C-alpha atoms as a PDB file:
ATOM      1  CA  MET A   1      -0.453 -36.892 -17.639  1.00  0.00           C
ATOM      2  CA  ASN A   2      -0.145 -34.170 -20.313  1.00  0.00           C
ATOM      3  CA  GLY A   3      -2.917 -32.120 -18.756  1.00  0.00           C
ATOM      4  CA  GLY A   4      -1.181 -32.335 -15.394  1.00  0.00           C
ATOM      5  CA  ALA A   5       2.120 -31.248 -16.953  1.00  0.00           C
ATOM      6  CA  VAL A   6       0.469 -28.215 -18.532  1.00  0.00           C
ATOM      7  CA  ARG A   7      -1.129 -27.200 -15.266  1.00  0.00           C
ATOM      8  CA  SER A   8       2.191 -27.506 -13.421  1.00  0.00           C
ATOM      9  CA  ASP A   9       4.002 -25.312 -15.972  1.00  0.00           C
ATOM     10  CA  THR A  10       1.458 -22.503 -16.229  1.00  0.00           C
ATOM     11  CA  ALA A  11       0.329 -19.844 -13.781  1.00  0.00           C
ATOM     12  CA  THR A  12      -2.845 -20.330 -11.748  1.00  0.00           C
ATOM     13  CA  VAL A  13      -4.925 -17.947  -9.680  1.00  0.00           C
ATOM     14  CA  GLN A  14      -4.331 -20.143  -6.639  1.00  0.00           C
ATOM     15  CA  GLY A  15      -0.576 -20.017  -7.250  1.00  0.00           C
ATOM     16  CA  VAL A  16      -0.587 -16.216  -7.469  1.00  0.00           C
ATOM     17  CA  MET A  17      -2.629 -15.904  -4.294  1.00  0.00           C
ATOM     18  CA  ALA A  18      -0.334 -18.339  -2.468  1.00  0.00           C
ATOM     19  CA  LYS A  19       2.707 -16.290  -3.397  1.00  0.00           C
ATOM     20  CA  THR A  20       0.899 -13.077  -2.505  1.00  0.00           C
ATOM     21  CA  GLY A  21       0.203 -14.656   0.879  1.00  0.00           C
ATOM     22  CA  ILE A  22       3.906 -15.432   1.345  1.00  0.00           C
ATOM     23  CA  CYS A  23       4.856 -11.852   0.482  1.00  0.00           C
ATOM     24  CA  THR A  24       2.159 -10.503   2.792  1.00  0.00           C
ATOM     25  CA  VAL A  25       3.435 -12.582   5.710  1.00  0.00           C
ATOM     26  CA  LEU A  26       6.984 -11.358   5.046  1.00  0.00           C
ATOM     27  CA  ALA A  27       5.778  -7.745   4.929  1.00  0.00           C
ATOM     28  CA  ILE A  28       3.792  -8.080   8.164  1.00  0.00           C
ATOM     29  CA  ALA A  29       6.696  -9.750   9.980  1.00  0.00           C
ATOM     30  CA  ALA A  30       9.173  -7.120   8.769  1.00  0.00           C
ATOM     31  CA  GLY A  31       6.708  -4.373   9.643  1.00  0.00           C
ATOM     32  CA  ALA A  32       6.334  -5.731  13.166  1.00  0.00           C
ATOM     33  CA  VAL A  33      10.119  -5.808  13.614  1.00  0.00           C
ATOM     34  CA  GLY A  34      10.483  -2.280  12.248  1.00  0.00           C
ATOM     35  CA  TYR A  35       7.661  -1.030  14.447  1.00  0.00           C
ATOM     36  CA  TYR A  36       9.118  -2.628  17.579  1.00  0.00           C
ATOM     37  CA  TYR A  37      12.676  -1.410  17.129  1.00  0.00           C
ATOM     38  CA  VAL A  38      11.682   2.115  16.153  1.00  0.00           C
ATOM     39  CA  ALA A  39       9.260   2.320  19.087  1.00  0.00           C
ATOM     40  CA  GLN A  40      12.063   1.198  21.422  1.00  0.00           C
ATOM     41  CA  ASN A  41      14.769   3.296  19.735  1.00  0.00           C
ATOM     42  CA  PRO A  42      13.293   6.419  18.065  1.00  0.00           C
ATOM     43  CA  THR A  43      16.762   7.420  16.863  1.00  0.00           C
ATOM     44  CA  LEU A  44      16.610   4.531  14.377  1.00  0.00           C
ATOM     45  CA  THR A  45      13.574   6.039  12.640  1.00  0.00           C
ATOM     46  CA  THR A  46      15.421   7.946   9.922  1.00  0.00           C
ATOM     47  CA  VAL A  47      17.913   5.155   9.196  1.00  0.00           C
ATOM     48  CA  ALA A  48      15.255   2.424   9.070  1.00  0.00           C
ATOM     49  CA  PHE A  49      12.825   4.464   6.996  1.00  0.00           C
ATOM     50  CA  ILE A  50      15.246   5.866   4.415  1.00  0.00           C
ATOM     51  CA  GLY A  51      17.305   2.673   4.147  1.00  0.00           C
ATOM     52  CA  SER A  52      14.278   0.439   3.611  1.00  0.00           C
ATOM     53  CA  LEU A  53      12.677   2.928   1.227  1.00  0.00           C
ATOM     54  CA  VAL A  54      15.806   3.064  -0.942  1.00  0.00           C
ATOM     55  CA  VAL A  55      16.021  -0.739  -1.101  1.00  0.00           C
ATOM     56  CA  SER A  56      12.296  -0.903  -1.939  1.00  0.00           C
ATOM     57  CA  LEU A  57      12.695   1.529  -4.838  1.00  0.00           C
ATOM     58  CA  ILE A  58      15.738  -0.326  -6.194  1.00  0.00           C
ATOM     59  CA  ALA A  59      13.835  -3.618  -6.003  1.00  0.00           C
ATOM     60  CA  PHE A  60      10.811  -2.066  -7.702  1.00  0.00           C
ATOM     61  CA  PHE A  61      12.723  -0.665 -10.686  1.00  0.00           C
ATOM     62  CA  ALA A  62      14.882  -3.811 -10.995  1.00  0.00           C
ATOM     63  CA  LEU A  63      11.740  -5.892 -11.365  1.00  0.00           C
ATOM     64  CA  MET A  64      10.164  -3.470 -13.820  1.00  0.00           C
ATOM     65  CA  ALA A  65      13.289  -3.856 -15.965  1.00  0.00           C
ATOM     66  CA  LYS A  66      13.482  -7.654 -15.645  1.00  0.00           C
ATOM     67  CA  PRO A  67      10.267  -9.416 -14.516  1.00  0.00           C
ATOM     68  CA  ALA A  68      12.069 -12.769 -14.377  1.00  0.00           C
ATOM     69  CA  LEU A  69      13.740 -11.575 -11.159  1.00  0.00           C
ATOM     70  CA  ALA A  70      10.382 -11.549  -9.393  1.00  0.00           C
ATOM     71  CA  ILE A  71      11.031 -14.766  -7.473  1.00  0.00           C
ATOM     72  CA  VAL A  72      13.876 -12.949  -5.660  1.00  0.00           C
ATOM     73  CA  VAL A  73      12.796  -9.315  -5.836  1.00  0.00           C
ATOM     74  CA  ALA A  74       9.165  -9.747  -4.729  1.00  0.00           C
ATOM     75  CA  PRO A  75      10.103 -11.140  -1.275  1.00  0.00           C
ATOM     76  CA  ILE A  76      12.861  -8.523  -0.854  1.00  0.00           C
ATOM     77  CA  TYR A  77      10.456  -5.729  -1.776  1.00  0.00           C
ATOM     78  CA  SER A  78       7.855  -7.117   0.627  1.00  0.00           C
ATOM     79  CA  ILE A  79      10.318  -7.175   3.518  1.00  0.00           C
ATOM     80  CA  THR A  80      11.716  -3.687   2.936  1.00  0.00           C
ATOM     81  CA  GLN A  81       8.293  -2.186   2.275  1.00  0.00           C
ATOM     82  CA  GLY A  82       7.091  -3.820   5.476  1.00  0.00           C
ATOM     83  CA  VAL A  83       9.881  -2.091   7.390  1.00  0.00           C
ATOM     84  CA  VAL A  84       8.976   1.253   5.786  1.00  0.00           C
ATOM     85  CA  LEU A  85       5.311   0.954   6.696  1.00  0.00           C
ATOM     86  CA  GLY A  86       6.045  -0.432  10.163  1.00  0.00           C
ATOM     87  CA  THR A  87       8.422   2.448  10.841  1.00  0.00           C
ATOM     88  CA  LEU A  88       5.887   4.988   9.611  1.00  0.00           C
ATOM     89  CA  SER A  89       3.190   3.381  11.768  1.00  0.00           C
ATOM     90  CA  ALA A  90       5.396   3.754  14.840  1.00  0.00           C
ATOM     91  CA  LEU A  91       6.244   7.352  13.938  1.00  0.00           C
ATOM     92  CA  LEU A  92       2.624   8.417  13.489  1.00  0.00           C
ATOM     93  CA  GLY A  93       1.606   6.577  16.643  1.00  0.00           C
ATOM     94  CA  ALA A  94       4.299   8.497  18.550  1.00  0.00           C
ATOM     95  CA  MET A  95       2.968  11.791  17.154  1.00  0.00           C
ATOM     96  CA  LEU A  96      -0.475  10.998  18.540  1.00  0.00           C
ATOM     97  CA  ALA A  97       0.935   9.867  21.878  1.00  0.00           C
ATOM     98  CA  SER A  98       2.928  13.099  22.214  1.00  0.00           C
ATOM     99  CA  ARG A  99      -0.377  14.965  22.146  1.00  0.00           C
ATOM    100  CA  GLY A 100      -2.076  12.588  24.547  1.00  0.00           C
ATOM    101  CA  ILE A 101      -4.231  10.997  21.839  1.00  0.00           C
ATOM    102  CA  GLU A 102      -4.894   7.264  21.891  1.00  0.00           C
ATOM    103  CA  ALA A 103      -6.001   5.344  18.780  1.00  0.00           C
ATOM    104  CA  ALA A 104      -8.116   2.334  19.725  1.00  0.00           C
ATOM    105  CA  GLY A 105      -6.045  -0.803  19.119  1.00  0.00           C
ATOM    106  CA  GLY A 106      -3.245   1.260  17.579  1.00  0.00           C
ATOM    107  CA  LEU A 107      -2.897   2.830  14.137  1.00  0.00           C
ATOM    108  CA  ALA A 108      -1.187  -0.235  12.647  1.00  0.00           C
ATOM    109  CA  LEU A 109      -4.061  -2.540  13.588  1.00  0.00           C
ATOM    110  CA  GLN A 110      -6.667  -0.084  12.320  1.00  0.00           C
ATOM    111  CA  ALA A 111      -4.846   0.301   8.992  1.00  0.00           C
ATOM    112  CA  PHE A 112      -4.453  -3.475   8.690  1.00  0.00           C
ATOM    113  CA  ILE A 113      -8.182  -4.038   9.249  1.00  0.00           C
ATOM    114  CA  ILE A 114      -9.089  -1.341   6.706  1.00  0.00           C
ATOM    115  CA  THR A 115      -6.679  -2.827   4.143  1.00  0.00           C
ATOM    116  CA  GLY A 116      -7.979  -6.359   4.671  1.00  0.00           C
ATOM    117  CA  SER A 117     -11.590  -5.196   4.416  1.00  0.00           C
ATOM    118  CA  LEU A 118     -10.956  -3.311   1.182  1.00  0.00           C
ATOM    119  CA  MET A 119      -9.070  -6.262  -0.335  1.00  0.00           C
ATOM    120  CA  THR A 120     -11.977  -8.563   0.551  1.00  0.00           C
ATOM    121  CA  THR A 121     -14.467  -6.100  -0.921  1.00  0.00           C
ATOM    122  CA  MET A 122     -12.548  -5.685  -4.176  1.00  0.00           C
ATOM    123  CA  LEU A 123     -12.092  -9.452  -4.471  1.00  0.00           C
ATOM    124  CA  ALA A 124     -15.858  -9.909  -4.069  1.00  0.00           C
ATOM    125  CA  LEU A 125     -16.630  -7.170  -6.624  1.00  0.00           C
ATOM    126  CA  HIS A 126     -14.250  -8.841  -9.083  1.00  0.00           C
ATOM    127  CA  THR A 127     -15.344 -12.420  -8.438  1.00  0.00           C
ATOM    128  CA  PHE A 128     -19.049 -11.697  -8.865  1.00  0.00           C
ATOM    129  CA  GLY A 129     -18.484  -9.451 -11.874  1.00  0.00           C
ATOM    130  CA  ILE A 130     -19.987  -6.374 -10.218  1.00  0.00           C
ATOM    131  CA  ILE A 131     -17.080  -4.235 -11.438  1.00  0.00           C
ATOM    132  CA  ARG A 132     -14.862  -5.316 -14.307  1.00  0.00           C
ATOM    133  CA  ALA A 133     -11.511  -3.590 -14.773  1.00  0.00           C
ATOM    134  CA  GLY A 134     -11.567  -3.398 -18.563  1.00  0.00           C
ATOM    135  CA  PRO A 135      -9.330  -1.208 -20.761  1.00  0.00           C
ATOM    136  CA  ARG A 136     -11.533   1.903 -20.355  1.00  0.00           C
ATOM    137  CA  PHE A 137     -11.720   1.457 -16.578  1.00  0.00           C
ATOM    138  CA  THR A 138      -7.937   1.076 -16.375  1.00  0.00           C
ATOM    139  CA  SER A 139      -7.318   4.085 -18.641  1.00  0.00           C
ATOM    140  CA  VAL A 140      -9.539   6.358 -16.547  1.00  0.00           C
ATOM    141  CA  LEU A 141      -7.930   5.092 -13.345  1.00  0.00           C
ATOM    142  CA  ALA A 142      -4.448   5.681 -14.764  1.00  0.00           C
ATOM    143  CA  LEU A 143      -5.397   9.217 -15.843  1.00  0.00           C
ATOM    144  CA  VAL A 144      -6.760  10.086 -12.392  1.00  0.00           C
ATOM    145  CA  THR A 145      -3.688   8.582 -10.721  1.00  0.00           C
ATOM    146  CA  MET A 146      -1.377  10.533 -13.017  1.00  0.00           C
ATOM    147  CA  GLY A 147      -3.220  13.734 -12.146  1.00  0.00           C
ATOM    148  CA  LEU A 148      -2.880  12.960  -8.455  1.00  0.00           C
ATOM    149  CA  MET A 149       0.855  12.319  -8.804  1.00  0.00           C
ATOM    150  CA  VAL A 150       1.350  15.622 -10.644  1.00  0.00           C
ATOM    151  CA  ALA A 151      -0.627  17.499  -7.975  1.00  0.00           C
ATOM    152  CA  MET A 152       1.408  15.880  -5.198  1.00  0.00           C
ATOM    153  CA  LEU A 153       4.652  16.682  -7.008  1.00  0.00           C
ATOM    154  CA  VAL A 154       3.647  20.321  -7.419  1.00  0.00           C
ATOM    155  CA  GLY A 155       2.698  20.461  -3.738  1.00  0.00           C
ATOM    156  CA  TRP A 156       6.103  19.079  -2.792  1.00  0.00           C
ATOM    157  CA  ILE A 157       7.956  21.524  -5.064  1.00  0.00           C
ATOM    158  CA  VAL A 158       6.164  24.610  -3.726  1.00  0.00           C
ATOM    159  CA  SER A 159       6.804  23.399  -0.170  1.00  0.00           C
ATOM    160  CA  LEU A 160      10.538  23.720  -0.898  1.00  0.00           C
ATOM    161  CA  PHE A 161       9.934  27.446  -1.318  1.00  0.00           C
ATOM    162  CA  GLY A 162       8.103  27.757   1.981  1.00  0.00           C
ATOM    163  CA  VAL A 163       4.599  27.559   0.551  1.00  0.00           C
ATOM    164  CA  SER A 164       2.473  25.244   2.690  1.00  0.00           C
ATOM    165  CA  ILE A 165      -0.694  23.480   1.543  1.00  0.00           C
ATOM    166  CA  PRO A 166      -2.375  22.780   4.912  1.00  0.00           C
ATOM    167  CA  PHE A 167      -4.724  19.955   3.914  1.00  0.00           C
ATOM    168  CA  LEU A 168      -1.820  17.955   2.436  1.00  0.00           C
ATOM    169  CA  ASN A 169       0.012  18.112   5.742  1.00  0.00           C
ATOM    170  CA  LEU A 170      -0.960  15.375   8.196  1.00  0.00           C
ATOM    171  CA  GLY A 171      -0.304  17.777  11.037  1.00  0.00           C
ATOM    172  CA  SER A 172      -3.262  19.912   9.937  1.00  0.00           C
ATOM    173  CA  ALA A 173      -5.559  17.229  11.354  1.00  0.00           C
ATOM    174  CA  PHE A 174      -4.617  18.385  14.856  1.00  0.00           C
ATOM    175  CA  ASP A 175      -5.783  21.932  14.166  1.00  0.00           C
ATOM    176  CA  GLY A 176      -9.283  21.004  12.991  1.00  0.00           C
ATOM    177  CA  GLY A 177     -11.286  23.361  10.811  1.00  0.00           C
ATOM    178  CA  GLN A 178     -11.731  23.366   7.058  1.00  0.00           C
ATOM    179  CA  SER A 179      -8.198  22.231   6.212  1.00  0.00           C
ATOM    180  CA  ALA A 180      -8.539  19.149   8.426  1.00  0.00           C
ATOM    181  CA  TRP A 181     -11.834  18.177   6.800  1.00  0.00           C
ATOM    182  CA  ILE A 182     -10.485  18.724   3.270  1.00  0.00           C
ATOM    183  CA  GLY A 183      -7.435  16.626   4.143  1.00  0.00           C
ATOM    184  CA  LEU A 184      -9.647  13.865   5.531  1.00  0.00           C
ATOM    185  CA  GLY A 185     -11.848  13.839   2.419  1.00  0.00           C
ATOM    186  CA  LEU A 186      -8.842  13.878   0.087  1.00  0.00           C
ATOM    187  CA  ASN A 187      -7.235  11.040   2.026  1.00  0.00           C
ATOM    188  CA  ALA A 188     -10.431   8.963   1.804  1.00  0.00           C
ATOM    189  CA  GLY A 189     -10.655   9.629  -1.937  1.00  0.00           C
ATOM    190  CA  ILE A 190      -7.061   8.524  -2.516  1.00  0.00           C
ATOM    191  CA  LEU A 191      -7.717   5.385  -0.464  1.00  0.00           C
ATOM    192  CA  VAL A 192     -10.647   4.532  -2.745  1.00  0.00           C
ATOM    193  CA  LEU A 193      -8.457   5.199  -5.799  1.00  0.00           C
ATOM    194  CA  ALA A 194      -5.721   2.898  -4.493  1.00  0.00           C
ATOM    195  CA  SER A 195      -8.296   0.199  -3.728  1.00  0.00           C
ATOM    196  CA  LEU A 196      -9.689   0.314  -7.261  1.00  0.00           C
ATOM    197  CA  TRP A 197      -6.247  -0.587  -8.581  1.00  0.00           C
ATOM    198  CA  LEU A 198      -6.701  -3.941  -6.841  1.00  0.00           C
ATOM    199  CA  LEU A 199      -9.429  -4.661  -9.410  1.00  0.00           C
ATOM    200  CA  VAL A 200      -6.913  -3.991 -12.178  1.00  0.00           C
ATOM    201  CA  ASP A 201      -4.402  -6.342 -10.545  1.00  0.00           C
ATOM    202  CA  LEU A 202      -7.034  -9.078 -10.206  1.00  0.00           C
ATOM    203  CA  ALA A 203      -8.081  -8.640 -13.847  1.00  0.00           C
ATOM    204  CA  GLN A 204      -4.452  -8.905 -14.966  1.00  0.00           C
ATOM    205  CA  ILE A 205      -4.078 -12.116 -12.999  1.00  0.00           C
ATOM    206  CA  ASP A 206      -7.126 -13.616 -14.718  1.00  0.00           C
ATOM    207  CA  GLU A 207      -5.846 -12.528 -18.135  1.00  0.00           C
ATOM    208  CA  ALA A 208      -2.386 -13.971 -17.541  1.00  0.00           C
ATOM    209  CA  VAL A 209      -3.810 -17.286 -16.357  1.00  0.00           C
ATOM    210  CA  ALA A 210      -6.218 -17.461 -19.314  1.00  0.00           C
ATOM    211  CA  ALA A 211      -3.332 -16.762 -21.700  1.00  0.00           C
ATOM    212  CA  GLY A 212      -1.334 -19.654 -20.233  1.00  0.00           C
ATOM    213  CA  ALA A 213       1.407 -17.520 -18.697  1.00  0.00           C
ATOM    214  CA  PRO A 214       4.384 -19.487 -17.336  1.00  0.00           C
ATOM    215  CA  LYS A 215       4.502 -20.504 -13.692  1.00  0.00           C
ATOM    216  CA  SER A 216       7.263 -17.983 -13.007  1.00  0.00           C
ATOM    217  CA  MET A 217       4.809 -15.168 -13.735  1.00  0.00           C
ATOM    218  CA  GLU A 218       3.001 -15.939 -10.487  1.00  0.00           C
ATOM    219  CA  TRP A 219       5.697 -14.105  -8.545  1.00  0.00           C
ATOM    220  CA  PHE A 220       5.480 -11.078 -10.836  1.00  0.00           C
ATOM    221  CA  LEU A 221       1.690 -10.954 -10.544  1.00  0.00           C
ATOM    222  CA  ALA A 222       1.962 -11.343  -6.775  1.00  0.00           C
ATOM    223  CA  PHE A 223       4.415  -8.450  -6.754  1.00  0.00           C
ATOM    224  CA  GLY A 224       1.832  -6.245  -8.487  1.00  0.00           C
ATOM    225  CA  LEU A 225      -0.720  -7.035  -5.805  1.00  0.00           C
ATOM    226  CA  ILE A 226       1.765  -6.359  -3.003  1.00  0.00           C
ATOM    227  CA  VAL A 227       2.671  -2.946  -4.453  1.00  0.00           C
ATOM    228  CA  THR A 228      -1.003  -1.952  -4.535  1.00  0.00           C
ATOM    229  CA  LEU A 229      -1.712  -3.386  -1.086  1.00  0.00           C
ATOM    230  CA  ALA A 230       1.210  -1.391   0.325  1.00  0.00           C
ATOM    231  CA  TRP A 231      -0.302   1.781  -1.156  1.00  0.00           C
ATOM    232  CA  VAL A 232      -3.714   0.907   0.270  1.00  0.00           C
ATOM    233  CA  TYR A 233      -2.179   0.311   3.707  1.00  0.00           C
ATOM    234  CA  LEU A 234      -0.317   3.632   3.549  1.00  0.00           C
ATOM    235  CA  GLU A 235      -3.489   5.559   2.759  1.00  0.00           C
ATOM    236  CA  ALA A 236      -5.434   3.588   5.389  1.00  0.00           C
ATOM    237  CA  LEU A 237      -2.739   4.443   7.951  1.00  0.00           C
ATOM    238  CA  LYS A 238      -2.929   8.139   7.089  1.00  0.00           C
ATOM    239  CA  LEU A 239      -6.725   8.050   7.259  1.00  0.00           C
ATOM    240  CA  ALA A 240      -6.667   6.352  10.672  1.00  0.00           C
ATOM    241  CA  PHE A 241      -4.172   8.974  11.850  1.00  0.00           C
ATOM    242  CA  ARG A 242      -6.344  11.870  10.659  1.00  0.00           C
ATOM    243  CA  ILE A 243      -9.456  10.419  12.284  1.00  0.00           C
ATOM    244  CA  ALA A 244      -7.617   9.873  15.578  1.00  0.00           C
ATOM    245  CA  ALA A 245      -6.132  13.379  15.468  1.00  0.00           C
ATOM    246  CA  MET A 246      -9.529  14.952  14.797  1.00  0.00           C
ATOM    247  CA  PHE A 247     -11.820  12.815  16.932  1.00  0.00           C
ATOM    248  CA  GLY A 248      -9.645  10.656  19.201  1.00  0.00           C
ATOM    249  CA  ASP A 249      -9.877  10.691  22.984  1.00  0.00           C
ATOM    250  CA  ARG A 250      -7.336  12.971  24.595  1.00  0.00           C
ATOM    251  CA  LYS A 251      -5.818  12.073  27.939  1.00  0.00           C
END
């Protein structure tokens, strides 16, 4: 009786994964809706993208300030982030189509398969103890990520003054040459970086469960996984776009 009560009041790995599954389904459904409506009405692109992105950021910072809100914020974030990514998928697909390039199965499906494959791989690496996301691993990953964010910020700032960094621009993939290859390699590297954060999320879940974290923490831990998975999908989408732009069949 007591043992059962303890189990029902504390977080479990299965509980976190179940809630992550719920958030994933919400994100996919919202992404499909966003993709469909933007594909049918391109004029909605800006409104859908900016509106959903703003709501996503508000939800993210609200949860960082008060984790207890996760049971409400995590689903909201999943839905709005799904719309953002679905809209972006439609936009990039339209860019390819305008140049007569066809991505096999569509960019969204390719990105989804890549994301699922990487999640499965990282889960296997974590489960079998092949890679453990300890404090040193996390510190190095955080340092590299911080460096990437600074570099991206600098690139964005100089672009405001008319200075273009070709390999950071997705459009450079259409032109081929050195810039396209550098962009492709950089994109692949960032995708690997994002995927490695999944190991950190999985380690945090194990630590929280081992420490007897309350059941409500399952939503917060699921939120962490969804944030990382959204980043992985974004980078997978960009990678699929670059590959299609560089090597795809042209009509």
